PDB file of all heavy atoms in Angstrom:
ATOM      1  N   GLN A   1       0.819  -1.205   0.000  1.00  0.00           N
ATOM      2  CA  GLN A   1       0.000   0.000   0.000  1.00  0.00           C
ATOM      3  C   GLN A   1       0.856   1.260   0.000  1.00  0.00           C
ATOM      4  O   GLN A   1       0.541   2.246  -0.677  1.00  0.00           O
ATOM      5  CB  GLN A   1      -0.940   0.005   1.215  1.00  0.00           C
ATOM      6  CG  GLN A   1      -2.080   1.018   1.112  1.00  0.00           C
ATOM      7  CD  GLN A   1      -2.959   0.775  -0.105  1.00  0.00           C
ATOM      8  OE1 GLN A   1      -3.412  -0.346  -0.337  1.00  0.00           O
ATOM      9  NE2 GLN A   1      -3.186   1.813  -0.896  1.00  0.00           N
ATOM     10  N   ARG A   2       1.958   1.244   0.752  1.00  0.00           N
ATOM     11  CA  ARG A   2       2.861   2.403   0.766  1.00  0.00           C
ATOM     12  C   ARG A   2       3.435   2.669  -0.618  1.00  0.00           C
ATOM     13  O   ARG A   2       3.518   3.824  -1.071  1.00  0.00           O
ATOM     14  CB  ARG A   2       4.000   2.175   1.767  1.00  0.00           C
ATOM     15  CG  ARG A   2       3.612   2.399   3.216  1.00  0.00           C
ATOM     16  CD  ARG A   2       4.845   2.528   4.102  1.00  0.00           C
ATOM     17  NE  ARG A   2       5.682   1.332   4.054  1.00  0.00           N
ATOM     18  CZ  ARG A   2       5.556   0.293   4.860  1.00  0.00           C
ATOM     19  NH1 ARG A   2       4.592   0.288   5.775  1.00  0.00           N
ATOM     20  NH2 ARG A   2       6.365  -0.743   4.767  1.00  0.00           N
ATOM     21  N   LEU A   3       3.846   1.602  -1.312  1.00  0.00           N
ATOM     22  CA  LEU A   3       4.418   1.768  -2.652  1.00  0.00           C
ATOM     23  C   LEU A   3       3.359   2.235  -3.651  1.00  0.00           C
ATOM     24  O   LEU A   3       3.663   3.003  -4.572  1.00  0.00           O
ATOM     25  CB  LEU A   3       5.041   0.451  -3.114  1.00  0.00           C
ATOM     26  CG  LEU A   3       6.290   0.000  -2.346  1.00  0.00           C
ATOM     27  CD1 LEU A   3       6.737  -1.383  -2.791  1.00  0.00           C
ATOM     28  CD2 LEU A   3       7.429   1.008  -2.522  1.00  0.00           C
ATOM     29  N   ILE A   4       2.129   1.790  -3.464  1.00  0.00           N
ATOM     30  CA  ILE A   4       1.037   2.247  -4.331  1.00  0.00           C
ATOM     31  C   ILE A   4       0.760   3.731  -4.106  1.00  0.00           C
ATOM     32  O   ILE A   4       0.588   4.507  -5.062  1.00  0.00           O
ATOM     33  CB  ILE A   4      -0.235   1.398  -4.090  1.00  0.00           C
ATOM     34  CG1 ILE A   4      -0.020  -0.031  -4.604  1.00  0.00           C
ATOM     35  CG2 ILE A   4      -1.447   2.022  -4.780  1.00  0.00           C
ATOM     36  CD1 ILE A   4      -1.118  -1.011  -4.208  1.00  0.00           C
ATOM     37  N   GLU A   5       0.742   4.141  -2.853  1.00  0.00           N
ATOM     38  CA  GLU A   5       0.490   5.549  -2.535  1.00  0.00           C
ATOM     39  C   GLU A   5       1.601   6.456  -3.061  1.00  0.00           C
ATOM     40  O   GLU A   5       1.345   7.596  -3.454  1.00  0.00           O
ATOM     41  CB  GLU A   5       0.341   5.710  -1.018  1.00  0.00           C
ATOM     42  CG  GLU A   5      -0.939   5.085  -0.465  1.00  0.00           C
ATOM     43  CD  GLU A   5      -0.967   5.047   1.048  1.00  0.00           C
ATOM     44  OE1 GLU A   5       0.041   5.489   1.675  1.00  0.00           O
ATOM     45  OE2 GLU A   5      -1.980   4.588   1.615  1.00  0.00           O
ATOM     46  N   LYS A   6       2.840   5.965  -3.074  1.00  0.00           N
ATOM     47  CA  LYS A   6       3.972   6.739  -3.598  1.00  0.00           C
ATOM     48  C   LYS A   6       4.002   6.750  -5.119  1.00  0.00           C
ATOM     49  O   LYS A   6       4.749   7.530  -5.716  1.00  0.00           O
ATOM     50  CB  LYS A   6       5.284   6.152  -3.079  1.00  0.00           C
ATOM     51  CG  LYS A   6       5.556   6.394  -1.609  1.00  0.00           C
ATOM     52  CD  LYS A   6       6.757   5.582  -1.139  1.00  0.00           C
ATOM     53  CE  LYS A   6       8.002   5.902  -1.937  1.00  0.00           C
ATOM     54  NZ  LYS A   6       9.183   5.120  -1.449  1.00  0.00           N
ATOM     55  N   GLY A   7       3.216   5.871  -5.751  1.00  0.00           N
ATOM     56  CA  GLY A   7       3.227   5.778  -7.207  1.00  0.00           C
ATOM     57  C   GLY A   7       4.302   4.847  -7.736  1.00  0.00           C
ATOM     58  O   GLY A   7       4.470   4.726  -8.956  1.00  0.00           O
ATOM     59  N   THR A   8       5.035   4.183  -6.828  1.00  0.00           N
ATOM     60  CA  THR A   8       6.065   3.232  -7.260  1.00  0.00           C
ATOM     61  C   THR A   8       5.416   2.004  -7.878  1.00  0.00           C
ATOM     62  O   THR A   8       5.983   1.381  -8.782  1.00  0.00           O
ATOM     63  CB  THR A   8       6.941   2.821  -6.061  1.00  0.00           C
ATOM     64  OG1 THR A   8       7.498   4.002  -5.475  1.00  0.00           O
ATOM     65  CG2 THR A   8       8.064   1.902  -6.493  1.00  0.00           C
ATOM     66  N   ILE A   9       4.243   1.658  -7.375  1.00  0.00           N
ATOM     67  CA  ILE A   9       3.443   0.590  -7.969  1.00  0.00           C
ATOM     68  C   ILE A   9       2.113   1.181  -8.407  1.00  0.00           C
ATOM     69  O   ILE A   9       1.438   1.865  -7.625  1.00  0.00           O
ATOM     70  CB  ILE A   9       3.192  -0.565  -6.979  1.00  0.00           C
ATOM     71  CG1 ILE A   9       4.515  -1.244  -6.602  1.00  0.00           C
ATOM     72  CG2 ILE A   9       2.244  -1.598  -7.592  1.00  0.00           C
ATOM     73  CD1 ILE A   9       4.366  -2.356  -5.584  1.00  0.00           C
ATOM     74  N   GLU A  10       1.761   0.940  -9.645  1.00  0.00           N
ATOM     75  CA  GLU A  10       0.488   1.425 -10.189  1.00  0.00           C
ATOM     76  C   GLU A  10      -0.342   0.229 -10.645  1.00  0.00           C
ATOM     77  O   GLU A  10       0.143  -0.616 -11.388  1.00  0.00           O
ATOM     78  CB  GLU A  10       0.731   2.354 -11.375  1.00  0.00           C
ATOM     79  CG  GLU A  10      -0.542   2.856 -12.030  1.00  0.00           C
ATOM     80  CD  GLU A  10      -0.265   3.748 -13.236  1.00  0.00           C
ATOM     81  OE1 GLU A  10       0.907   4.088 -13.475  1.00  0.00           O
ATOM     82  OE2 GLU A  10      -1.239   4.081 -13.956  1.00  0.00           O
ATOM     83  N   VAL A  11      -1.563   0.152 -10.177  1.00  0.00           N
ATOM     84  CA  VAL A  11      -2.490  -0.898 -10.597  1.00  0.00           C
ATOM     85  C   VAL A  11      -3.692  -0.192 -11.220  1.00  0.00           C
ATOM     86  O   VAL A  11      -4.382   0.575 -10.551  1.00  0.00           O
ATOM     87  CB  VAL A  11      -2.940  -1.773  -9.412  1.00  0.00           C
ATOM     88  CG1 VAL A  11      -3.779  -2.943  -9.909  1.00  0.00           C
ATOM     89  CG2 VAL A  11      -1.742  -2.278  -8.618  1.00  0.00           C
ATOM     90  N   ALA A  12      -3.913  -0.420 -12.505  1.00  0.00           N
ATOM     91  CA  ALA A  12      -4.936   0.354 -13.207  1.00  0.00           C
ATOM     92  C   ALA A  12      -5.529  -0.451 -14.354  1.00  0.00           C
ATOM     93  O   ALA A  12      -4.885  -1.351 -14.891  1.00  0.00           O
ATOM     94  CB  ALA A  12      -4.334   1.653 -13.747  1.00  0.00           C
ATOM     95  N   PRO A  13      -6.768  -0.126 -14.745  1.00  0.00           N
ATOM     96  CA  PRO A  13      -7.356  -0.788 -15.918  1.00  0.00           C
ATOM     97  C   PRO A  13      -6.620  -0.396 -17.188  1.00  0.00           C
ATOM     98  O   PRO A  13      -5.981   0.661 -17.260  1.00  0.00           O
ATOM     99  CB  PRO A  13      -8.803  -0.283 -15.923  1.00  0.00           C
ATOM    100  CG  PRO A  13      -8.781   0.974 -15.138  1.00  0.00           C
ATOM    101  CD  PRO A  13      -7.708   0.815 -14.110  1.00  0.00           C
ATOM    102  N   LEU A  14      -6.699  -1.249 -18.185  1.00  0.00           N
ATOM    103  CA  LEU A  14      -5.963  -1.048 -19.435  1.00  0.00           C
ATOM    104  C   LEU A  14      -6.288   0.282 -20.105  1.00  0.00           C
ATOM    105  O   LEU A  14      -5.415   0.905 -20.712  1.00  0.00           O
ATOM    106  CB  LEU A  14      -6.264  -2.213 -20.395  1.00  0.00           C
ATOM    107  CG  LEU A  14      -5.561  -2.189 -21.750  1.00  0.00           C
ATOM    108  CD1 LEU A  14      -4.051  -2.182 -21.586  1.00  0.00           C
ATOM    109  CD2 LEU A  14      -6.002  -3.383 -22.587  1.00  0.00           C
ATOM    110  N   ALA A  15      -7.526   0.757 -19.967  1.00  0.00           N
ATOM    111  CA  ALA A  15      -7.922   2.012 -20.605  1.00  0.00           C
ATOM    112  C   ALA A  15      -7.053   3.178 -20.141  1.00  0.00           C
ATOM    113  O   ALA A  15      -6.884   4.165 -20.873  1.00  0.00           O
ATOM    114  CB  ALA A  15      -9.396   2.306 -20.312  1.00  0.00           C
ATOM    115  N   PHE A  16      -6.471   3.087 -18.943  1.00  0.00           N
ATOM    116  CA  PHE A  16      -5.652   4.163 -18.403  1.00  0.00           C
ATOM    117  C   PHE A  16      -4.278   4.230 -19.053  1.00  0.00           C
ATOM    118  O   PHE A  16      -3.516   5.161 -18.793  1.00  0.00           O
ATOM    119  CB  PHE A  16      -5.484   3.990 -16.894  1.00  0.00           C
ATOM    120  CG  PHE A  16      -6.695   4.368 -16.075  1.00  0.00           C
ATOM    121  CD1 PHE A  16      -7.974   4.292 -16.613  1.00  0.00           C
ATOM    122  CD2 PHE A  16      -6.557   4.785 -14.766  1.00  0.00           C
ATOM    123  CE1 PHE A  16      -9.090   4.632 -15.867  1.00  0.00           C
ATOM    124  CE2 PHE A  16      -7.666   5.128 -14.000  1.00  0.00           C
ATOM    125  CZ  PHE A  16      -8.938   5.050 -14.561  1.00  0.00           C
ATOM    126  N   MET A  17      -3.928   3.238 -19.883  1.00  0.00           N
ATOM    127  CA  MET A  17      -2.612   3.199 -20.507  1.00  0.00           C
ATOM    128  C   MET A  17      -2.546   4.031 -21.793  1.00  0.00           C
ATOM    129  O   MET A  17      -1.459   4.360 -22.271  1.00  0.00           O
ATOM    130  CB  MET A  17      -2.219   1.761 -20.845  1.00  0.00           C
ATOM    131  CG  MET A  17      -2.107   0.817 -19.654  1.00  0.00           C
ATOM    132  SD  MET A  17      -0.842   1.294 -18.477  1.00  0.00           S
ATOM    133  CE  MET A  17      -1.872   1.870 -17.107  1.00  0.00           C
ATOM    134  N   ARG A  18      -3.682   4.378 -22.346  1.00  0.00           N
ATOM    135  CA  ARG A  18      -3.711   5.074 -23.641  1.00  0.00           C
ATOM    136  C   ARG A  18      -2.990   6.415 -23.567  1.00  0.00           C
ATOM    137  O   ARG A  18      -3.166   7.179 -22.623  1.00  0.00           O
ATOM    138  CB  ARG A  18      -5.155   5.286 -24.086  1.00  0.00           C
ATOM    139  CG  ARG A  18      -5.284   5.758 -25.545  1.00  0.00           C
ATOM    140  CD  ARG A  18      -6.742   5.817 -25.970  1.00  0.00           C
ATOM    141  NE  ARG A  18      -7.378   4.509 -25.901  1.00  0.00           N
ATOM    142  CZ  ARG A  18      -7.272   3.584 -26.853  1.00  0.00           C
ATOM    143  NH1 ARG A  18      -6.539   3.821 -27.924  1.00  0.00           N
ATOM    144  NH2 ARG A  18      -7.885   2.425 -26.727  1.00  0.00           N
ATOM    145  N   GLY A  19      -2.145   6.671 -24.571  1.00  0.00           N
ATOM    146  CA  GLY A  19      -1.466   7.956 -24.676  1.00  0.00           C
ATOM    147  C   GLY A  19      -0.231   8.100 -23.821  1.00  0.00           C
ATOM    148  O   GLY A  19       0.399   9.154 -23.814  1.00  0.00           O
ATOM    149  N   ARG A  20       0.157   7.058 -23.104  1.00  0.00           N
ATOM    150  CA  ARG A  20       1.306   7.141 -22.208  1.00  0.00           C
ATOM    151  C   ARG A  20       2.534   6.465 -22.816  1.00  0.00           C
ATOM    152  O   ARG A  20       2.428   5.614 -23.686  1.00  0.00           O
ATOM    153  CB  ARG A  20       0.981   6.484 -20.858  1.00  0.00           C
ATOM    154  CG  ARG A  20      -0.201   7.070 -20.145  1.00  0.00           C
ATOM    155  CD  ARG A  20      -0.538   6.312 -18.883  1.00  0.00           C
ATOM    156  NE  ARG A  20       0.558   6.322 -17.920  1.00  0.00           N
ATOM    157  CZ  ARG A  20       0.554   5.649 -16.770  1.00  0.00           C
ATOM    158  NH1 ARG A  20      -0.490   4.871 -16.476  1.00  0.00           N
ATOM    159  NH2 ARG A  20       1.572   5.718 -15.941  1.00  0.00           N
ATOM    160  N   THR A  21       3.730   6.861 -22.324  1.00  0.00           N
ATOM    161  CA  THR A  21       4.968   6.153 -22.626  1.00  0.00           C
ATOM    162  C   THR A  21       5.581   5.768 -21.293  1.00  0.00           C
ATOM    163  O   THR A  21       5.819   6.630 -20.442  1.00  0.00           O
ATOM    164  CB  THR A  21       5.950   7.036 -23.414  1.00  0.00           C
ATOM    165  OG1 THR A  21       5.345   7.416 -24.652  1.00  0.00           O
ATOM    166  CG2 THR A  21       7.243   6.289 -23.692  1.00  0.00           C
ATOM    167  N   LEU A  22       5.821   4.472 -21.099  1.00  0.00           N
ATOM    168  CA  LEU A  22       6.252   3.955 -19.802  1.00  0.00           C
ATOM    169  C   LEU A  22       7.739   3.621 -19.837  1.00  0.00           C
ATOM    170  O   LEU A  22       8.153   2.616 -20.409  1.00  0.00           O
ATOM    171  CB  LEU A  22       5.423   2.723 -19.439  1.00  0.00           C
ATOM    172  CG  LEU A  22       3.906   2.962 -19.374  1.00  0.00           C
ATOM    173  CD1 LEU A  22       3.162   1.643 -19.232  1.00  0.00           C
ATOM    174  CD2 LEU A  22       3.557   3.904 -18.231  1.00  0.00           C
ATOM    175  N   ASN A  23       8.557   4.494 -19.252  1.00  0.00           N
ATOM    176  CA  ASN A  23      10.002   4.294 -19.172  1.00  0.00           C
ATOM    177  C   ASN A  23      10.383   3.724 -17.809  1.00  0.00           C
ATOM    178  O   ASN A  23       9.726   3.991 -16.800  1.00  0.00           O
ATOM    179  CB  ASN A  23      10.740   5.615 -19.386  1.00  0.00           C
ATOM    180  CG  ASN A  23      10.539   6.177 -20.779  1.00  0.00           C
ATOM    181  OD1 ASN A  23      10.639   5.454 -21.764  1.00  0.00           O
ATOM    182  ND2 ASN A  23      10.253   7.465 -20.866  1.00  0.00           N
ATOM    183  N   GLY A  24      11.462   2.955 -17.768  1.00  0.00           N
ATOM    184  CA  GLY A  24      11.991   2.444 -16.513  1.00  0.00           C
ATOM    185  C   GLY A  24      10.986   1.661 -15.699  1.00  0.00           C
ATOM    186  O   GLY A  24      11.025   1.698 -14.471  1.00  0.00           O
ATOM    187  N   SER A  25      10.113   0.930 -16.376  1.00  0.00           N
ATOM    188  CA  SER A  25       9.010   0.255 -15.697  1.00  0.00           C
ATOM    189  C   SER A  25       8.999  -1.246 -15.986  1.00  0.00           C
ATOM    190  O   SER A  25       9.456  -1.685 -17.037  1.00  0.00           O
ATOM    191  CB  SER A  25       7.664   0.850 -16.130  1.00  0.00           C
ATOM    192  OG  SER A  25       7.616   2.239 -15.903  1.00  0.00           O
ATOM    193  N   PHE A  26       8.472  -1.993 -15.038  1.00  0.00           N
ATOM    194  CA  PHE A  26       8.168  -3.405 -15.256  1.00  0.00           C
ATOM    195  C   PHE A  26       6.649  -3.462 -15.404  1.00  0.00           C
ATOM    196  O   PHE A  26       5.922  -3.222 -14.446  1.00  0.00           O
ATOM    197  CB  PHE A  26       8.617  -4.261 -14.071  1.00  0.00           C
ATOM    198  CG  PHE A  26       8.692  -5.737 -14.374  1.00  0.00           C
ATOM    199  CD1 PHE A  26       9.913  -6.405 -14.332  1.00  0.00           C
ATOM    200  CD2 PHE A  26       7.552  -6.467 -14.695  1.00  0.00           C
ATOM    201  CE1 PHE A  26       9.983  -7.773 -14.611  1.00  0.00           C
ATOM    202  CE2 PHE A  26       7.609  -7.820 -14.972  1.00  0.00           C
ATOM    203  CZ  PHE A  26       8.841  -8.474 -14.927  1.00  0.00           C
ATOM    204  N   ILE A  27       6.187  -3.766 -16.611  1.00  0.00           N
ATOM    205  CA  ILE A  27       4.766  -3.647 -16.937  1.00  0.00           C
ATOM    206  C   ILE A  27       4.185  -5.043 -17.151  1.00  0.00           C
ATOM    207  O   ILE A  27       4.746  -5.843 -17.898  1.00  0.00           O
ATOM    208  CB  ILE A  27       4.571  -2.813 -18.219  1.00  0.00           C
ATOM    209  CG1 ILE A  27       5.417  -1.542 -18.172  1.00  0.00           C
ATOM    210  CG2 ILE A  27       3.100  -2.472 -18.428  1.00  0.00           C
ATOM    211  CD1 ILE A  27       5.849  -1.042 -19.531  1.00  0.00           C
ATOM    212  N   ILE A  28       3.059  -5.316 -16.508  1.00  0.00           N
ATOM    213  CA  ILE A  28       2.387  -6.599 -16.669  1.00  0.00           C
ATOM    214  C   ILE A  28       0.970  -6.368 -17.162  1.00  0.00           C
ATOM    215  O   ILE A  28       0.201  -5.629 -16.536  1.00  0.00           O
ATOM    216  CB  ILE A  28       2.340  -7.378 -15.345  1.00  0.00           C
ATOM    217  CG1 ILE A  28       3.757  -7.664 -14.841  1.00  0.00           C
ATOM    218  CG2 ILE A  28       1.563  -8.691 -15.517  1.00  0.00           C
ATOM    219  CD1 ILE A  28       3.807  -8.274 -13.446  1.00  0.00           C
ATOM    220  N   LEU A  29       0.651  -6.965 -18.296  1.00  0.00           N
ATOM    221  CA  LEU A  29      -0.723  -6.977 -18.804  1.00  0.00           C
ATOM    222  C   LEU A  29      -1.287  -8.358 -18.524  1.00  0.00           C
ATOM    223  O   LEU A  29      -0.859  -9.347 -19.110  1.00  0.00           O
ATOM    224  CB  LEU A  29      -0.767  -6.671 -20.303  1.00  0.00           C
ATOM    225  CG  LEU A  29      -2.129  -6.870 -20.998  1.00  0.00           C
ATOM    226  CD1 LEU A  29      -3.207  -6.001 -20.364  1.00  0.00           C
ATOM    227  CD2 LEU A  29      -2.015  -6.593 -22.502  1.00  0.00           C
ATOM    228  N   ASP A  30      -2.247  -8.412 -17.613  1.00  0.00           N
ATOM    229  CA  ASP A  30      -2.841  -9.680 -17.201  1.00  0.00           C
ATOM    230  C   ASP A  30      -4.162  -9.897 -17.929  1.00  0.00           C
ATOM    231  O   ASP A  30      -4.811  -8.939 -18.352  1.00  0.00           O
ATOM    232  CB  ASP A  30      -3.067  -9.641 -15.685  1.00  0.00           C
ATOM    233  CG  ASP A  30      -3.351 -11.011 -15.098  1.00  0.00           C
ATOM    234  OD1 ASP A  30      -2.806 -12.001 -15.623  1.00  0.00           O
ATOM    235  OD2 ASP A  30      -4.102 -11.088 -14.117  1.00  0.00           O
ATOM    236  N   GLU A  31      -4.572 -11.149 -18.071  1.00  0.00           N
ATOM    237  CA  GLU A  31      -5.829 -11.496 -18.753  1.00  0.00           C
ATOM    238  C   GLU A  31      -5.880 -10.892 -20.165  1.00  0.00           C
ATOM    239  O   GLU A  31      -6.898 -10.364 -20.608  1.00  0.00           O
ATOM    240  CB  GLU A  31      -7.036 -11.024 -17.931  1.00  0.00           C
ATOM    241  CG  GLU A  31      -7.140 -11.675 -16.571  1.00  0.00           C
ATOM    242  CD  GLU A  31      -7.549 -13.145 -16.643  1.00  0.00           C
ATOM    243  OE1 GLU A  31      -8.121 -13.560 -17.656  1.00  0.00           O
ATOM    244  OE2 GLU A  31      -7.287 -13.877 -15.665  1.00  0.00           O
ATOM    245  N   ALA A  32      -4.771 -11.001 -20.876  1.00  0.00           N
ATOM    246  CA  ALA A  32      -4.645 -10.348 -22.179  1.00  0.00           C
ATOM    247  C   ALA A  32      -5.565 -10.930 -23.239  1.00  0.00           C
ATOM    248  O   ALA A  32      -5.790 -10.309 -24.285  1.00  0.00           O
ATOM    249  CB  ALA A  32      -3.197 -10.419 -22.663  1.00  0.00           C
ATOM    250  N   GLN A  33      -6.126 -12.119 -22.989  1.00  0.00           N
ATOM    251  CA  GLN A  33      -7.074 -12.678 -23.962  1.00  0.00           C
ATOM    252  C   GLN A  33      -8.318 -11.815 -24.092  1.00  0.00           C
ATOM    253  O   GLN A  33      -9.043 -11.910 -25.081  1.00  0.00           O
ATOM    254  CB  GLN A  33      -7.474 -14.107 -23.574  1.00  0.00           C
ATOM    255  CG  GLN A  33      -8.444 -14.235 -22.415  1.00  0.00           C
ATOM    256  CD  GLN A  33      -7.758 -14.208 -21.058  1.00  0.00           C
ATOM    257  OE1 GLN A  33      -6.541 -14.038 -20.983  1.00  0.00           O
ATOM    258  NE2 GLN A  33      -8.525 -14.389 -20.004  1.00  0.00           N
ATOM    259  N   ASN A  34      -8.552 -10.943 -23.130  1.00  0.00           N
ATOM    260  CA  ASN A  34      -9.730 -10.074 -23.164  1.00  0.00           C
ATOM    261  C   ASN A  34      -9.438  -8.678 -23.680  1.00  0.00           C
ATOM    262  O   ASN A  34     -10.235  -7.755 -23.491  1.00  0.00           O
ATOM    263  CB  ASN A  34     -10.373 -10.005 -21.766  1.00  0.00           C
ATOM    264  CG  ASN A  34     -11.066 -11.302 -21.402  1.00  0.00           C
ATOM    265  OD1 ASN A  34     -11.568 -12.011 -22.275  1.00  0.00           O
ATOM    266  ND2 ASN A  34     -11.077 -11.639 -20.132  1.00  0.00           N
ATOM    267  N   THR A  35      -8.288  -8.522 -24.336  1.00  0.00           N
ATOM    268  CA  THR A  35      -8.025  -7.299 -25.088  1.00  0.00           C
ATOM    269  C   THR A  35      -8.510  -7.484 -26.521  1.00  0.00           C
ATOM    270  O   THR A  35      -8.575  -8.606 -27.023  1.00  0.00           O
ATOM    271  CB  THR A  35      -6.525  -6.979 -25.143  1.00  0.00           C
ATOM    272  OG1 THR A  35      -5.844  -8.038 -25.845  1.00  0.00           O
ATOM    273  CG2 THR A  35      -5.936  -6.829 -23.752  1.00  0.00           C
ATOM    274  N   THR A  36      -8.848  -6.385 -27.165  1.00  0.00           N
ATOM    275  CA  THR A  36      -9.094  -6.423 -28.606  1.00  0.00           C
ATOM    276  C   THR A  36      -7.748  -6.282 -29.313  1.00  0.00           C
ATOM    277  O   THR A  36      -6.758  -5.858 -28.693  1.00  0.00           O
ATOM    278  CB  THR A  36     -10.013  -5.274 -29.036  1.00  0.00           C
ATOM    279  OG1 THR A  36      -9.329  -4.031 -28.790  1.00  0.00           O
ATOM    280  CG2 THR A  36     -11.336  -5.307 -28.259  1.00  0.00           C
ATOM    281  N   PRO A  37      -7.666  -6.608 -30.597  1.00  0.00           N
ATOM    282  CA  PRO A  37      -6.401  -6.395 -31.316  1.00  0.00           C
ATOM    283  C   PRO A  37      -5.921  -4.947 -31.234  1.00  0.00           C
ATOM    284  O   PRO A  37      -4.723  -4.691 -31.126  1.00  0.00           O
ATOM    285  CB  PRO A  37      -6.744  -6.798 -32.756  1.00  0.00           C
ATOM    286  CG  PRO A  37      -7.834  -7.816 -32.602  1.00  0.00           C
ATOM    287  CD  PRO A  37      -8.655  -7.333 -31.439  1.00  0.00           C
ATOM    288  N   GLU A  38      -6.873  -3.998 -31.258  1.00  0.00           N
ATOM    289  CA  GLU A  38      -6.509  -2.582 -31.180  1.00  0.00           C
ATOM    290  C   GLU A  38      -5.920  -2.248 -29.804  1.00  0.00           C
ATOM    291  O   GLU A  38      -4.926  -1.503 -29.697  1.00  0.00           O
ATOM    292  CB  GLU A  38      -7.723  -1.705 -31.459  1.00  0.00           C
ATOM    293  CG  GLU A  38      -8.270  -1.793 -32.879  1.00  0.00           C
ATOM    294  CD  GLU A  38      -9.115  -3.047 -33.131  1.00  0.00           C
ATOM    295  OE1 GLU A  38      -9.486  -3.738 -32.139  1.00  0.00           O
ATOM    296  OE2 GLU A  38      -9.389  -3.352 -34.310  1.00  0.00           O
ATOM    297  N   GLN A  39      -6.505  -2.794 -28.756  1.00  0.00           N
ATOM    298  CA  GLN A  39      -5.988  -2.555 -27.409  1.00  0.00           C
ATOM    299  C   GLN A  39      -4.614  -3.180 -27.226  1.00  0.00           C
ATOM    300  O   GLN A  39      -3.738  -2.595 -26.579  1.00  0.00           O
ATOM    301  CB  GLN A  39      -6.957  -3.119 -26.372  1.00  0.00           C
ATOM    302  CG  GLN A  39      -8.233  -2.321 -26.200  1.00  0.00           C
ATOM    303  CD  GLN A  39      -9.202  -3.016 -25.255  1.00  0.00           C
ATOM    304  OE1 GLN A  39      -9.309  -4.254 -25.248  1.00  0.00           O
ATOM    305  NE2 GLN A  39      -9.914  -2.230 -24.463  1.00  0.00           N
ATOM    306  N   MET A  40      -4.409  -4.364 -27.785  1.00  0.00           N
ATOM    307  CA  MET A  40      -3.110  -5.011 -27.676  1.00  0.00           C
ATOM    308  C   MET A  40      -2.027  -4.172 -28.347  1.00  0.00           C
ATOM    309  O   MET A  40      -0.942  -3.952 -27.782  1.00  0.00           O
ATOM    310  CB  MET A  40      -3.153  -6.410 -28.291  1.00  0.00           C
ATOM    311  CG  MET A  40      -1.818  -7.150 -28.258  1.00  0.00           C
ATOM    312  SD  MET A  40      -1.241  -7.527 -26.586  1.00  0.00           S
ATOM    313  CE  MET A  40      -2.256  -8.973 -26.222  1.00  0.00           C
ATOM    314  N   LYS A  41      -2.323  -3.668 -29.535  1.00  0.00           N
ATOM    315  CA  LYS A  41      -1.356  -2.815 -30.235  1.00  0.00           C
ATOM    316  C   LYS A  41      -1.085  -1.560 -29.421  1.00  0.00           C
ATOM    317  O   LYS A  41       0.074  -1.132 -29.287  1.00  0.00           O
ATOM    318  CB  LYS A  41      -1.885  -2.455 -31.626  1.00  0.00           C
ATOM    319  CG  LYS A  41      -0.938  -1.556 -32.417  1.00  0.00           C
ATOM    320  CD  LYS A  41      -1.525  -1.199 -33.775  1.00  0.00           C
ATOM    321  CE  LYS A  41      -0.608  -0.243 -34.532  1.00  0.00           C
ATOM    322  NZ  LYS A  41      -1.177   0.150 -35.848  1.00  0.00           N
ATOM    323  N   MET A  42      -2.147  -0.944 -28.891  1.00  0.00           N
ATOM    324  CA  MET A  42      -1.989   0.249 -28.067  1.00  0.00           C
ATOM    325  C   MET A  42      -1.081  -0.028 -26.884  1.00  0.00           C
ATOM    326  O   MET A  42      -0.165   0.737 -26.584  1.00  0.00           O
ATOM    327  CB  MET A  42      -3.360   0.737 -27.589  1.00  0.00           C
ATOM    328  CG  MET A  42      -3.328   1.960 -26.667  1.00  0.00           C
ATOM    329  SD  MET A  42      -3.090   1.576 -24.907  1.00  0.00           S
ATOM    330  CE  MET A  42      -4.653   0.755 -24.516  1.00  0.00           C
TER     331      MET A  42
END
């Protein structure tokens, strides 16, 4: 919870990823079978 509050860990729905560039991050997309092809590319 402390790391989440500091922003060191971010847990968010996929829609929140649009328009961003994620540097220096370890990114996990879970349940990816429920993305559309457009969302996967995004």
